[in-house]
Amino acid sequence: MVARDAGVSPRTVQNWCNQGLLRCERLPSGHRRIPATAWALFKAGGGRAEQDAVATASARQDELEMRIRRASSPQEVMDLLLAAT
């Protein structure tokens, strides 16, 4: 349905999901389910809203990984992980 709505091939939609441009859920069967809200955001921003969200999450993850590498004790690592959730 998304591919038809976007006027692209199903493979293009898979690529968008694989690249983190379009949020999807993987079903036990291996198929992808794209929430209506994710598709609406993608369409409204030409994919920009989803891209920005992915970029922000990626930057946060990178920052957390850097802080964990610099942590001086296991307790400090635990504190960082708890604060991130």
Protein backbone atom coordinates (compact mmCIF):
# COMPACT_ATOMS: atom_id res chain seq x y z
CA MET A 1 0.00 0.00 0.00
CA VAL A 2 2.80 2.46 0.87
CA ALA A 3 4.68 1.72 -2.34
CA ARG A 4 1.55 2.22 -4.41
CA ASP A 5 0.68 5.43 -2.51
CA ALA A 6 4.22 6.77 -3.04
CA GLY A 7 4.39 5.67 -6.66
CA VAL A 8 7.55 3.63 -6.07
CA SER A 9 8.46 -0.04 -6.01
CA PRO A 10 8.13 -2.11 -2.84
CA ARG A 11 11.93 -2.48 -2.89
CA THR A 12 12.29 1.32 -2.61
CA VAL A 13 10.11 1.31 0.49
CA GLN A 14 12.25 -1.51 1.93
CA ASN A 15 15.35 0.58 1.26
CA TRP A 16 13.82 3.58 3.03
CA CYS A 17 13.15 1.35 6.05
CA ASN A 18 16.63 -0.20 5.96
CA GLN A 19 18.22 3.26 5.81
CA GLY A 20 16.15 4.46 8.77
CA LEU A 21 14.32 7.02 6.66
CA LEU A 22 10.92 5.43 7.24
CA ARG A 23 10.04 3.76 10.53
CA CYS A 24 8.68 0.25 10.27
CA GLU A 25 8.07 -2.76 12.47
CA ARG A 26 9.28 -6.21 11.50
CA LEU A 27 6.67 -8.94 11.81
CA PRO A 28 7.59 -12.51 12.79
CA SER A 29 7.06 -13.42 9.13
CA GLY A 30 9.84 -10.99 8.16
CA HIS A 31 7.45 -8.56 6.47
CA ARG A 32 7.50 -4.88 7.36
CA ARG A 33 4.58 -3.00 8.81
CA ILE A 34 4.69 0.77 8.48
CA PRO A 35 2.60 2.59 11.08
CA ALA A 36 0.16 5.11 9.63
CA THR A 37 1.74 7.87 11.72
CA ALA A 38 5.21 7.10 10.34
CA TRP A 39 3.90 7.16 6.79
CA ALA A 40 2.02 10.43 7.40
CA LEU A 41 5.17 12.07 8.83
CA PHE A 42 7.25 10.79 5.94
CA LYS A 43 4.79 12.11 3.35
CA ALA A 44 4.29 15.46 5.09
CA GLY A 45 7.98 16.20 5.26
CA GLY A 46 9.06 14.43 2.14
CA GLY A 47 10.76 12.05 4.57
CA ARG A 48 12.47 14.94 6.34
CA ALA A 49 10.70 14.49 9.70
CA GLU A 50 11.73 10.84 9.87
CA GLN A 51 15.28 11.66 8.75
CA ASP A 52 15.61 14.32 11.45
CA ALA A 53 14.33 11.94 14.12
CA VAL A 54 16.78 9.24 13.02
CA ALA A 55 19.67 11.71 12.97
CA THR A 56 18.82 12.96 16.47
CA ALA A 57 18.58 9.43 17.85
CA SER A 58 21.85 8.49 16.20
CA ALA A 59 23.62 11.52 17.67
CA ARG A 60 22.30 10.66 21.14
CA GLN A 61 23.51 7.09 20.79
CA ASP A 62 26.95 8.25 19.66
CA GLU A 63 27.19 10.61 22.65
CA LEU A 64 26.17 7.85 25.07
CA GLU A 65 28.69 5.41 23.59
CA MET A 66 31.46 8.01 23.94
CA ARG A 67 30.55 8.66 27.59
CA ILE A 68 30.49 4.93 28.33
CA ARG A 69 33.98 4.51 26.83
CA ARG A 70 35.24 7.34 29.03
CA ALA A 71 33.55 6.06 32.20
CA SER A 72 35.97 5.33 34.99
CA SER A 73 33.91 2.72 36.85
CA PRO A 74 31.17 0.16 36.30
CA GLN A 75 28.89 2.25 38.52
CA GLU A 76 29.37 5.25 36.26
CA VAL A 77 28.42 3.11 33.25
CA MET A 78 25.27 1.94 35.04
CA ASP A 79 24.37 5.53 35.94
CA LEU A 80 24.77 6.59 32.30
CA LEU A 81 22.64 3.73 31.04
CA LEU A 82 19.90 4.38 33.59
CA ALA A 83 19.85 8.08 32.76
CA ALA A 84 19.48 7.28 29.06
CA THR A 85 16.30 5.23 29.55
